[in-house]
Structures are given as C-alpha cells and as structure tokens.
Amino acid sequence: MRWWATGLGETTPAQADGTLLGFPLPNNDLIIGVYASDTVGTNCLLSCVWQPFTVQYAGPAPYLVAGASQINFPVADYPGQIYVTVQSSGNVRVGDPPGLAA
C-alpha cells in the first residue's frame, strides 16, 4: 500500500517551503511506524491488539512539494477489516499504539 501524508516532521537536510523534491531525497528526522487492528474500541490503547506492518519506505515523496511524505507498506495476509494508524517517534496521539514514543 502507498500512502501520502503531511506533518511527519522535519527532514535533513531541511528543504525550503515550496521546493519540489527530486533525487537524492532528504531523510525524515523521525521514525515512522504503521500499525493495524481489526478491532477499535473506545479505549483502544487498552482493548485493541495492534500489529505492526513492515514499512518499506517512509520519507519525502519524490517529485512532490517539500512537506509531502510517502509511506509504503504491505498489507497482504492480514485477516478481516483493518483500521490503520501511522505514528512517528515523538508524536504519540490518543488511540495510537505504544512503542515509538521518543
């Protein structure tokens, strides 16, 4: 699966706003994780079992404007309907699985 997102943190080297990114791409400063659960409750931190997906790529999206990120991960062999959350180190939100907090 391929997702695009914004707000995943700074990059090194930093890029000016509006810059179209080509190769070589800068690196994200934060680690990005993708998790899924087939059940989501009102207090998911306690009641949901989160399965980590293997992130194949998480970083600046090539040929898009600076600040746009691309996240690639496989979802094959995952049973049932899934709810996916993206988490970056240092940015834990309510409902996110534990594990990557800085």
Foldseek 3Di string as FASTA:
>chain_A
DKDKDFDQAAWVPGDDFFDFAAPPFTFHPWDKWKWKFQDADPQCQPPTDIDTWDWPDWGCDHRHTPRMIMTDTDDPPDDDDIDMDMDIACDDDRRDYDDRHD
